Amino acid sequence: MKIYSELSEIERPFYKAALTIGNFDGVHLGHQALFRKVVEISAETGGDKVALTFHPHPMKVLRPDNPPKLISTLEQKVELIMAAGIDHLVCLPFTREFASTTATEFVEDILWRRLGVLDLVVGYDYACGKGREGDIRFLEKMGSRLGFRVHVVPPVKVDGKIVSSTVIRELVKKGEMGEVRKMLGRYYQIRGVVRKGKKRGGPVVGFPTANLSINREDLCPKPGVYAVQVLHGESCYSGVINIGYNPTFGDNKLGAEVHIFDFNKDIYGHEIKVNLVARIRDEKRFSGPEELASQITADIEKARVLLSDLDC
C-alpha cells in the first residue's frame, strides 16, 4: 500500500478510483464494510482501491479542549487499512483552514480532479465539507453532474447495536473487552516500549513485569487486571496486565504492568503489543507484598483458564 501525506505527492489522478472516506478510528466492522465494498467494486472495474483519511483526528482541531480518546494510533490504523486490501491511503493533514473547505470544493477539487474518483463509497451517515453540508443527497447530485457513482453502505450492527467508534470508546472505558472485540472484529490492543520500572514485580512480589507508559491522550481501559495476549516480535505469549495506579505501593501515576507467562527475556527498550482479552477484576489496595502475591497467583490461574482455548 502506498501512503500519501499531502495532495502534492499525488502526481496524477488514480485510475478509475474506488474511494472511501473516513476517520477510520479503530478500523471497526463498520469501516471494514466500507473497505470490502471498495475491493468489490475494484474487482469489477479494474480501478485503484483508495482510502482517504485525516491526521490528526478532526475533533482534535475543532474541539481541542475536549478531543476524543482514539481507539487506534495512526500506526495501527495504517496497518489495518493495508490488511483490508487498499492500494493507496491518502492521509491529509487536518487544519482549521482545511475545515473551512466547502462541500463543493472538497468534491470537485479533491475527490474528482485530484483523486479521480469513479466510485465513491460512504457510510449511511457520511457528510463532508464545512458544517457537514455535503450529505449523501448532495454527493449523489454531484456524482450525477461530474460522472461518479455513489455507493452507500448501511450500518453494521452487533447484537442490535450500530457499530461506531463512539460506542466502542465507551465500552473500552468500561472494560467490556468481549463487547469491544465483537465490534472491532479483533481484540483491543495497546502497545508501547518496555521501560524500566521500580523493579518491585520480581524481587518484591515474585512476578516480574514489563512496564508500559500510558499517555494522557491514550484511550485507557477501565483500571483493573486483564487476561492478555502479548506479542513480541514474531512470538505470542499469554499473560496478565494491571492497568492503574498500583495503590498497594502508593503510586499515583497511571501505568500498565504486564506479567508474561513462561517468559524470561530482557526486553527493556523493545516494543510489545498487548491484546486485552477479558477483564478479571478491579484494581485494589492490598496490605502488602504477600497479600498482593497471593492475589496475583489467583489472577494468573484465572487468566490461564480464560486464555487456554485461544489461538495466540
Protein backbone atom coordinates (compact mmCIF):
# COMPACT_ATOMS: atom_id res chain seq x y z
CA MET A 1 0.00 0.00 0.00
CA LYS A 2 1.30 3.42 -0.91
CA ILE A 3 0.75 6.26 1.56
CA TYR A 4 0.43 9.95 0.70
CA SER A 5 0.60 12.64 3.37
CA GLU A 6 -0.04 15.61 1.05
CA LEU A 7 -2.10 16.07 -2.11
CA SER A 8 1.04 17.39 -3.81
CA GLU A 9 2.53 13.88 -3.57
CA ILE A 10 -0.14 12.55 -5.94
CA GLU A 11 1.24 13.18 -9.42
CA ARG A 12 -1.90 12.23 -11.35
CA PRO A 13 -5.46 11.10 -10.52
CA PHE A 14 -5.84 7.47 -9.59
CA TYR A 15 -7.12 5.07 -12.23
CA LYS A 16 -10.90 4.53 -12.03
CA ALA A 17 -10.63 5.10 -8.30
CA ALA A 18 -12.99 3.25 -5.98
CA LEU A 19 -12.60 5.50 -2.97
CA THR A 20 -13.88 5.65 0.58
CA ILE A 21 -13.52 8.43 3.14
CA GLY A 22 -13.47 8.49 6.91
CA ASN A 23 -11.52 9.00 10.11
CA PHE A 24 -11.49 5.21 10.50
CA ASP A 25 -10.66 5.36 14.22
CA GLY A 26 -10.38 1.75 15.31
CA VAL A 27 -10.99 0.38 11.81
CA HIS A 28 -14.01 -1.41 13.27
CA LEU A 29 -16.54 -3.66 11.50
CA GLY A 30 -18.35 -0.66 10.01
CA HIS A 31 -15.14 0.66 8.48
CA GLN A 32 -14.23 -2.82 7.27
CA ALA A 33 -17.56 -2.99 5.40
CA LEU A 34 -16.55 0.18 3.51
CA PHE A 35 -13.20 -1.33 2.55
CA ARG A 36 -14.85 -4.57 1.40
CA LYS A 37 -17.15 -2.58 -0.86
CA VAL A 38 -14.17 -0.73 -2.35
CA VAL A 39 -12.40 -4.04 -3.02
CA GLU A 40 -15.58 -5.50 -4.54
CA ILE A 41 -16.06 -2.55 -6.90
CA SER A 42 -12.40 -2.54 -7.90
CA ALA A 43 -12.62 -6.21 -8.85
CA GLU A 44 -15.37 -5.26 -11.32
CA THR A 45 -13.83 -2.06 -12.75
CA GLY A 46 -10.13 -2.81 -12.52
CA GLY A 47 -9.66 0.52 -10.79
CA ASP A 48 -7.42 1.56 -7.91
CA LYS A 49 -8.56 0.92 -4.34
CA VAL A 50 -8.22 4.19 -2.41
CA ALA A 51 -8.95 5.33 1.15
CA LEU A 52 -8.91 8.96 2.27
CA THR A 53 -8.42 9.81 5.92
CA PHE A 54 -7.15 12.69 8.04
CA HIS A 55 -4.49 13.33 10.67
CA PRO A 56 -4.84 14.47 13.35
CA HIS A 57 -8.43 13.44 14.05
CA PRO A 58 -10.62 16.43 13.05
CA MET A 59 -12.07 16.74 16.55
CA LYS A 60 -8.58 17.37 17.94
CA VAL A 61 -8.52 20.50 15.79
CA LEU A 62 -12.17 21.55 16.05
CA ARG A 63 -12.58 20.68 19.73
CA PRO A 64 -9.08 20.96 21.22
CA ASP A 65 -10.33 21.35 24.80
CA ASN A 66 -12.16 18.02 24.71
CA PRO A 67 -10.81 15.83 21.90
CA PRO A 68 -11.83 12.17 21.68
CA LYS A 69 -9.55 9.48 23.05
CA LEU A 70 -8.57 7.46 19.99
CA ILE A 71 -9.12 3.71 19.69
CA SER A 72 -6.12 3.27 17.41
CA THR A 73 -2.88 5.09 16.81
CA LEU A 74 -2.07 6.28 13.29
CA GLU A 75 0.38 3.38 13.03
CA GLN A 76 -2.32 0.85 13.91
CA LYS A 77 -4.81 2.46 11.56
CA VAL A 78 -2.39 2.26 8.63
CA GLU A 79 -1.63 -1.41 9.39
CA LEU A 80 -5.31 -2.33 9.49
CA ILE A 81 -6.24 -0.43 6.32
CA MET A 82 -3.39 -2.10 4.48
CA ALA A 83 -4.62 -5.50 5.71
CA ALA A 84 -8.07 -4.66 4.28
CA GLY A 85 -6.63 -4.69 0.76
CA ILE A 86 -6.44 -0.96 -0.02
CA ASP A 87 -3.85 0.09 -2.65
CA HIS A 88 -3.49 3.77 -1.79
CA LEU A 89 -4.01 5.60 1.51
CA VAL A 90 -4.27 9.38 1.34
CA CYS A 91 -3.74 10.79 4.85
CA LEU A 92 -4.37 14.53 4.64
CA PRO A 93 -3.32 16.99 7.35
CA PHE A 94 -6.45 18.33 9.04
CA THR A 95 -6.16 22.02 9.93
CA ARG A 96 -8.59 24.82 10.71
CA GLU A 97 -8.01 26.10 7.20
CA PHE A 98 -8.91 22.72 5.73
CA ALA A 99 -12.01 22.62 7.94
CA SER A 100 -13.32 25.71 6.12
CA THR A 101 -13.38 23.85 2.78
CA THR A 102 -16.90 23.78 1.37
CA ALA A 103 -18.51 20.52 0.31
CA THR A 104 -18.46 21.61 -3.33
CA GLU A 105 -14.75 22.46 -3.18
CA PHE A 106 -13.97 19.17 -1.46
CA VAL A 107 -15.81 17.08 -4.03
CA GLU A 108 -14.78 18.97 -7.16
CA ASP A 109 -11.18 19.86 -6.30
CA ILE A 110 -10.08 16.92 -4.19
CA LEU A 111 -12.24 13.88 -4.91
CA TRP A 112 -12.84 14.50 -8.60
CA ARG A 113 -9.89 16.46 -10.00
CA ARG A 114 -7.03 15.38 -7.73
CA LEU A 115 -8.02 11.82 -6.81
CA GLY A 116 -10.04 10.79 -9.85
CA VAL A 117 -12.95 9.17 -8.04
CA LEU A 118 -15.17 6.99 -10.18
CA ASP A 119 -16.94 5.11 -7.38
CA LEU A 120 -17.40 6.82 -4.02
CA VAL A 121 -18.14 4.52 -1.09
CA VAL A 122 -19.53 6.16 2.05
CA GLY A 123 -21.29 5.16 5.23
CA TYR A 124 -25.00 5.76 5.74
CA ASP A 125 -24.40 8.86 7.89
CA TYR A 126 -21.48 10.41 5.99
CA ALA A 127 -21.29 14.16 5.32
CA CYS A 128 -18.40 16.34 4.16
CA GLY A 129 -17.41 19.97 3.94
CA LYS A 130 -17.78 22.93 6.25
CA GLY A 131 -20.65 22.37 8.64
CA ARG A 132 -21.17 18.86 7.20
CA GLU A 133 -23.18 20.44 4.40
CA GLY A 134 -22.29 17.72 1.89
CA ASP A 135 -24.71 14.95 2.83
CA ILE A 136 -25.42 11.85 0.76
CA ARG A 137 -28.11 13.54 -1.33
CA PHE A 138 -25.61 16.29 -2.17
CA LEU A 139 -22.95 13.70 -3.09
CA GLU A 140 -25.39 11.92 -5.39
CA LYS A 141 -26.20 15.17 -7.18
CA MET A 142 -22.51 15.96 -7.57
CA GLY A 143 -21.90 12.45 -8.84
CA SER A 144 -24.59 12.85 -11.49
CA ARG A 145 -23.06 16.14 -12.62
CA LEU A 146 -19.40 15.10 -12.59
CA GLY A 147 -19.75 11.46 -13.57
CA PHE A 148 -19.01 9.34 -10.50
CA ARG A 149 -21.21 6.81 -8.71
CA VAL A 150 -22.09 6.93 -5.01
CA HIS A 151 -22.43 3.69 -3.03
CA VAL A 152 -23.95 3.96 0.43
CA VAL A 153 -23.04 1.19 2.87
CA PRO A 154 -25.72 0.55 5.54
CA PRO A 155 -24.87 0.46 9.25
CA VAL A 156 -23.27 -2.67 10.66
CA LYS A 157 -24.98 -3.94 13.80
CA VAL A 158 -23.77 -6.22 16.57
CA ASP A 159 -26.39 -7.56 18.99
CA GLY A 160 -28.80 -4.95 17.64
CA LYS A 161 -26.43 -2.02 18.23
CA ILE A 162 -24.91 0.06 15.44
CA VAL A 163 -21.13 -0.30 15.45
CA SER A 164 -19.44 3.08 15.90
CA SER A 165 -16.19 4.47 17.25
CA THR A 166 -18.14 6.38 19.91
CA VAL A 167 -19.82 3.23 21.23
CA ILE A 168 -16.51 1.32 21.21
CA ARG A 169 -14.76 4.06 23.19
CA GLU A 170 -17.41 3.83 25.90
CA LEU A 171 -17.10 0.04 26.04
CA VAL A 172 -13.31 0.29 26.37
CA LYS A 173 -13.68 2.77 29.24
CA LYS A 174 -15.99 0.28 30.98
CA GLY A 175 -13.54 -2.57 30.46
CA GLU A 176 -16.05 -4.62 28.46
CA MET A 177 -13.46 -6.27 26.25
CA GLY A 178 -15.74 -9.04 24.98
CA GLU A 179 -18.17 -6.47 23.56
CA VAL A 180 -15.28 -4.42 22.19
CA ARG A 181 -13.94 -7.44 20.34
CA LYS A 182 -17.33 -8.07 18.73
CA MET A 183 -17.40 -4.55 17.29
CA LEU A 184 -13.75 -4.36 16.27
CA GLY A 185 -13.58 -7.88 14.88
CA ARG A 186 -10.37 -8.34 16.90
CA TYR A 187 -9.04 -7.73 20.41
CA TYR A 188 -8.49 -4.19 21.64
CA GLN A 189 -4.76 -3.63 21.65
CA ILE A 190 -2.38 -1.33 23.48
CA ARG A 191 1.26 -1.13 22.54
CA GLY A 192 4.39 0.55 23.76
CA VAL A 193 8.08 0.31 24.52
CA VAL A 194 9.01 -1.56 27.70
CA ARG A 195 10.58 0.87 30.16
CA LYS A 196 12.41 0.38 33.44
CA GLY A 197 10.01 0.48 36.35
CA LYS A 198 10.61 0.36 40.11
CA LYS A 199 11.62 -3.32 39.91
CA ARG A 200 9.13 -4.46 42.51
CA GLY A 201 7.43 -7.10 40.38
CA GLY A 202 10.14 -9.76 40.56
CA PRO A 203 12.25 -9.02 43.65
CA VAL A 204 9.44 -7.83 45.94
CA VAL A 205 6.26 -9.58 44.76
CA GLY A 206 7.72 -12.55 42.89
CA PHE A 207 6.19 -11.83 39.49
CA PRO A 208 8.42 -9.90 37.04
CA THR A 209 6.59 -7.39 34.87
CA ALA A 210 7.13 -5.36 31.71
CA ASN A 211 6.18 -1.75 32.32
CA LEU A 212 4.41 0.43 29.76
CA SER A 213 3.60 4.13 29.93
CA ILE A 214 0.06 5.33 29.22
CA ASN A 215 -0.19 8.83 27.81
CA ARG A 216 -2.97 11.20 28.75
CA GLU A 217 -4.15 11.19 25.14
CA ASP A 218 -4.49 7.40 25.02
CA LEU A 219 -7.84 5.66 25.34
CA CYS A 220 -7.26 3.86 28.62
CA PRO A 221 -9.39 0.85 29.58
CA LYS A 222 -11.03 0.81 32.99
CA PRO A 223 -8.32 0.27 35.62
CA GLY A 224 -8.01 -3.32 36.74
CA VAL A 225 -6.48 -6.67 35.88
CA TYR A 226 -6.97 -8.27 32.47
CA ALA A 227 -6.10 -11.56 30.79
CA VAL A 228 -3.98 -10.70 27.75
CA GLN A 229 -2.04 -11.93 24.78
CA VAL A 230 1.41 -10.35 24.44
CA LEU A 231 3.03 -10.00 21.01
CA HIS A 232 6.82 -9.62 20.98
CA GLY A 233 8.49 -9.86 17.61
CA GLU A 234 7.00 -12.86 15.83
CA SER A 235 6.03 -14.61 19.08
CA CYS A 236 2.81 -14.56 21.09
CA TYR A 237 2.53 -15.25 24.83
CA SER A 238 -0.27 -15.35 27.38
CA GLY A 239 -0.21 -13.08 30.42
CA VAL A 240 -1.96 -10.70 32.77
CA ILE A 241 -1.82 -6.92 32.88
CA ASN A 242 -2.59 -4.49 35.66
CA ILE A 243 -3.71 -1.09 34.41
CA GLY A 244 -3.95 1.58 37.06
CA TYR A 245 -2.13 3.36 39.87
CA ASN A 246 -0.71 0.47 41.92
CA PRO A 247 -2.34 1.57 45.20
CA THR A 248 -0.60 -1.07 47.30
CA PHE A 249 2.68 0.84 46.86
CA GLY A 250 1.12 4.32 46.92
CA ASP A 251 1.82 5.18 43.28
CA ASN A 252 -0.20 7.99 41.72
CA LYS A 253 0.80 7.81 38.06
CA LEU A 254 -1.30 5.79 35.62
CA GLY A 255 0.62 2.91 34.11
CA ALA A 256 0.47 -0.68 32.94
CA GLU A 257 2.44 -3.68 34.19
CA VAL A 258 2.40 -6.91 32.19
CA HIS A 259 3.37 -10.30 33.62
CA ILE A 260 4.12 -12.63 30.70
CA PHE A 261 3.70 -16.35 31.36
CA ASP A 262 6.65 -18.69 30.80
CA PHE A 263 8.87 -15.84 29.65
CA ASN A 264 12.39 -14.96 30.73
CA LYS A 265 13.92 -12.45 28.32
CA ASP A 266 15.37 -8.97 28.72
CA ILE A 267 13.03 -6.80 26.64
CA TYR A 268 13.80 -3.32 28.02
CA GLY A 269 13.53 -0.91 25.10
CA HIS A 270 11.56 -3.39 22.98
CA GLU A 271 8.07 -2.71 21.65
CA ILE A 272 5.33 -5.11 22.71
CA LYS A 273 1.69 -5.28 21.69
CA VAL A 274 -0.91 -6.35 24.23
CA ASN A 275 -4.31 -7.75 23.25
CA LEU A 276 -6.81 -7.27 26.07
CA VAL A 277 -8.93 -10.43 26.11
CA ALA A 278 -11.00 -10.24 29.31
CA ARG A 279 -11.24 -8.18 32.47
CA ILE A 280 -10.61 -10.22 35.63
CA ARG A 281 -11.11 -7.77 38.49
CA ASP A 282 -10.86 -4.21 39.76
CA GLU A 283 -7.56 -2.81 40.95
CA LYS A 284 -7.43 -2.61 44.74
CA ARG A 285 -5.08 -1.90 47.64
CA PHE A 286 -3.55 -4.87 49.49
CA SER A 287 -1.97 -4.96 52.93
CA GLY A 288 1.45 -5.69 51.50
CA PRO A 289 3.51 -7.73 49.01
CA GLU A 290 2.43 -11.12 50.40
CA GLU A 291 -1.30 -10.48 50.04
CA LEU A 292 -0.70 -8.96 46.59
CA ALA A 293 1.33 -12.02 45.50
CA SER A 294 -1.47 -14.33 46.64
CA GLN A 295 -4.00 -12.37 44.57
CA ILE A 296 -1.71 -12.33 41.52
CA THR A 297 -1.41 -16.12 41.76
CA ALA A 298 -5.21 -16.36 41.66
CA ASP A 299 -5.35 -13.89 38.76
CA ILE A 300 -2.85 -15.96 36.78
CA GLU A 301 -4.83 -19.15 37.35
CA LYS A 302 -8.00 -17.47 36.13
CA ALA A 303 -6.22 -15.94 33.14
CA ARG A 304 -4.75 -19.28 32.09
CA VAL A 305 -8.26 -20.75 32.00
CA LEU A 306 -9.63 -17.80 30.00
CA LEU A 307 -6.78 -17.96 27.51
CA SER A 308 -6.38 -21.75 27.24
CA ASP A 309 -8.61 -22.25 24.20
CA LEU A 310 -7.47 -19.19 22.26
CA ASP A 311 -5.03 -19.11 19.39
CA CYS A 312 -2.06 -16.92 20.19
